[in-house]
Protein backbone atom coordinates (compact mmCIF):
# COMPACT_ATOMS: atom_id res chain seq x y z
CA UNK A 1 -56.58 75.57 236.32
CA UNK A 2 -54.06 75.52 233.59
CA UNK A 3 -56.68 73.91 231.42
CA UNK A 4 -58.75 77.10 231.48
CA UNK A 5 -55.99 79.19 229.91
CA UNK A 6 -55.89 79.44 226.14
CA UNK A 7 -53.17 77.28 224.52
CA UNK A 8 -50.99 80.19 223.32
CA UNK A 9 -50.86 81.72 226.79
CA UNK A 10 -50.37 78.29 228.28
CA UNK A 11 -47.11 77.86 226.31
CA UNK A 12 -45.91 81.24 227.50
CA UNK A 13 -46.69 80.37 231.16
CA UNK A 14 -44.86 77.01 230.94
CA UNK A 15 -41.92 78.70 229.26
CA UNK A 16 -41.89 81.36 232.00
CA UNK A 17 -42.14 78.65 234.68
CA UNK A 18 -39.15 76.70 233.41
CA UNK A 19 -37.16 79.90 232.94
CA UNK A 20 -37.71 80.75 236.60
CA UNK A 21 -36.89 77.18 237.73
CA UNK A 22 -33.66 77.19 235.75
CA UNK A 23 -32.80 80.69 237.01
CA UNK A 24 -33.32 79.63 240.62
CA UNK A 25 -31.32 76.42 240.03
CA UNK A 26 -28.42 78.38 238.50
CA UNK A 27 -28.61 80.89 241.36
CA UNK A 28 -28.40 78.06 243.94
CA UNK A 29 -25.52 76.46 242.02
CA UNK A 30 -23.68 79.80 241.94
CA UNK A 31 -24.23 80.27 245.68
CA UNK A 32 -22.84 76.77 246.37
CA UNK A 33 -19.89 77.43 244.02
CA UNK A 34 -19.18 80.75 245.71
CA UNK A 35 -19.35 79.07 249.13
CA UNK A 36 -16.90 76.39 248.00
CA UNK A 37 -14.62 79.08 246.57
CA UNK A 38 -14.76 81.07 249.82
CA UNK A 39 -13.97 78.00 251.95
CA UNK A 40 -11.31 76.60 249.55
CA UNK A 41 -9.44 79.86 249.07
CA UNK A 42 -7.61 79.75 252.46
CA UNK A 43 -6.63 76.15 251.83
CA UNK A 44 -5.30 77.06 248.38
CA UNK A 45 -3.30 79.98 249.80
CA UNK A 46 -1.90 77.81 252.61
CA UNK A 47 -0.93 74.98 250.26
CA UNK A 48 0.70 77.32 247.73
CA UNK A 49 2.69 79.02 250.53
CA UNK A 50 3.80 75.62 251.86
CA UNK A 51 4.87 74.58 248.36
CA UNK A 52 6.99 77.73 248.11
CA UNK A 53 8.52 77.08 251.54
CA UNK A 54 9.32 73.46 250.65
CA UNK A 55 10.76 74.50 247.28
CA UNK A 56 13.00 77.05 249.00
CA UNK A 57 14.03 74.46 251.60
CA UNK A 58 14.84 71.95 248.86
CA UNK A 59 16.91 74.56 247.02
CA UNK A 60 18.88 75.33 250.19
CA UNK A 61 19.37 71.62 250.84
CA UNK A 62 20.64 71.05 247.30
CA UNK A 63 23.01 74.00 247.74
CA UNK A 64 24.32 72.48 251.00
CA UNK A 65 24.73 69.12 249.28
CA UNK A 66 26.72 70.80 246.49
CA UNK A 67 28.91 72.55 249.08
CA UNK A 68 29.34 69.25 250.89
CA UNK A 69 30.40 67.58 247.65
CA UNK A 70 33.00 70.30 247.09
CA UNK A 71 34.26 70.16 250.66
CA UNK A 72 34.30 66.37 250.73
CA UNK A 73 36.46 66.33 247.60
CA UNK A 74 38.83 68.83 249.19
CA UNK A 75 38.90 66.77 252.39
CA UNK A 76 39.69 63.61 250.46
CA UNK A 77 42.58 65.33 248.67
CA UNK A 78 43.85 66.78 251.97
CA UNK A 79 43.59 63.37 253.60
CA UNK A 80 45.64 61.79 250.80
CA UNK A 81 48.30 64.49 251.16
CA UNK A 82 48.39 64.03 254.93
CA UNK A 83 48.74 60.29 254.46
CA UNK A 84 51.70 60.82 252.12
CA UNK A 85 53.30 63.22 254.58
CA UNK A 86 52.75 60.69 257.36
CA UNK A 87 54.37 57.99 255.23
CA UNK A 88 57.32 60.28 254.45
CA UNK A 89 58.09 60.55 258.17
CA UNK A 90 59.12 56.90 258.05
CA UNK A 91 61.35 57.31 254.97
CA UNK A 92 65.08 57.67 255.44
CA UNK A 93 66.27 61.01 254.16
CA UNK A 94 69.26 61.51 251.90
CA UNK A 95 70.50 64.39 254.02
CA UNK A 96 70.81 62.13 257.07
CA UNK A 97 72.84 59.66 255.03
CA UNK A 98 75.08 62.41 253.62
CA UNK A 99 75.64 63.85 257.09
CA UNK A 100 76.57 60.43 258.45
CA UNK A 101 78.94 59.65 255.58
CA UNK A 102 80.62 63.07 255.70
CA UNK A 103 81.07 62.84 259.47
CA UNK A 104 83.06 59.62 259.03
CA UNK A 105 85.59 61.00 256.57
CA UNK A 106 88.95 61.98 258.00
CA UNK A 107 91.71 64.29 256.80
CA UNK A 108 93.10 61.38 254.77
CA UNK A 109 89.76 60.76 252.99
CA UNK A 110 88.13 63.29 250.65
CA UNK A 111 84.65 62.37 249.43
CA UNK A 112 83.90 63.89 246.03
CA UNK A 113 80.55 62.46 244.96
CA UNK A 114 77.56 60.56 246.28
CA UNK A 115 75.17 58.61 244.09
CA UNK A 116 71.79 58.04 245.79
CA UNK A 117 68.69 56.24 244.68
CA UNK A 118 65.50 54.88 246.24
CA UNK A 119 63.92 51.48 245.80
CA UNK A 120 60.43 51.09 247.30
CA UNK A 121 60.99 53.96 249.73
CA UNK A 122 64.34 52.64 250.99
CA UNK A 123 67.76 54.07 250.17
CA UNK A 124 69.41 51.68 247.76
CA UNK A 125 73.19 51.16 247.93
CA UNK A 126 74.99 54.51 247.90
CA UNK A 127 78.02 54.87 245.68
CA UNK A 128 80.73 57.05 247.22
CA UNK A 129 83.64 58.28 245.12
CA UNK A 130 86.65 60.14 246.41
CA UNK A 131 90.36 60.23 247.12
CA UNK A 132 92.33 58.55 249.89
CA UNK A 133 95.91 59.45 250.77
CA UNK A 134 96.88 55.87 251.78
CA UNK A 135 95.59 52.34 251.58
CA UNK A 136 95.38 52.18 255.39
CA UNK A 137 93.24 55.36 255.53
CA UNK A 138 90.82 53.78 253.03
CA UNK A 139 90.64 50.55 255.07
CA UNK A 140 90.03 52.57 258.27
CA UNK A 141 87.25 54.52 256.53
CA UNK A 142 85.63 51.23 255.51
CA UNK A 143 85.89 49.96 259.11
CA UNK A 144 84.31 53.17 260.48
CA UNK A 145 81.45 52.74 258.01
CA UNK A 146 80.88 49.12 259.07
CA UNK A 147 80.72 50.12 262.75
CA UNK A 148 77.69 52.34 262.14
CA UNK A 149 74.34 50.75 263.16
CA UNK A 150 72.54 52.20 260.09
CA UNK A 151 74.93 50.50 257.64
CA UNK A 152 74.66 46.79 256.94
CA UNK A 153 77.46 46.32 254.39
CA UNK A 154 80.29 48.20 252.69
CA UNK A 155 81.61 46.88 249.38
CA UNK A 156 85.16 48.03 248.67
CA UNK A 157 86.42 46.57 245.39
CA UNK A 158 89.89 45.06 245.65
CA UNK A 159 91.00 47.12 242.66
CA UNK A 160 90.77 50.21 244.88
CA UNK A 161 93.53 48.76 247.08
CA UNK A 162 95.98 48.16 244.22
CA UNK A 163 97.83 51.43 244.75
CA UNK A 164 99.58 52.34 247.99
CA UNK A 165 99.19 56.17 247.87
CA UNK A 166 96.81 58.76 246.28
CA UNK A 167 94.02 56.25 245.70
CA UNK A 168 90.90 57.14 243.78
CA UNK A 169 88.24 54.93 245.34
CA UNK A 170 84.63 53.96 244.77
CA UNK A 171 82.72 52.31 247.66
CA UNK A 172 79.20 50.94 247.73
CA UNK A 173 77.45 51.46 251.09
CA UNK A 174 74.34 49.40 251.86
CA UNK A 175 72.00 50.89 254.46
CA UNK A 176 69.85 48.67 256.69
CA UNK A 177 66.22 48.47 255.68
CA UNK A 178 63.52 49.42 258.19
CA UNK A 179 60.94 46.69 258.64
């Protein structure tokens, strides 16, 4: 039947036909696209909300990790200090040594100075200087020092015993080491 139509009108009919076919095709494509959009929109919203939740959770976790790093550093420093304090409990104290040495002096012995030092945590030999009224009082003081369980040796130079009265003495006291 198309052959009965004049050629000019025939071109217009074919053009109109293809215009309608393309219009219907584009309409169907737009309906399919709109359907996909309608069905994909909830998924997009859900995924974007989950991304926000995970981002917030990751930020909180990184904040906790940063706080942990700060607190772990403080705990390490506190642990080191506690360890040093614990080690200091085992160290002999100078005050205990002074108290012991002063308790052993008598009325005939006057201690003037102490010279203390530490070597590897232990009290090194203590130098005691003072005055003794007699040679016998100085010898008795040395004997009292040697009788103490904390003291291993007392070095009294012979030059300190040269005079008989009003002796200026210098004694080296060696404390026992704790092992």
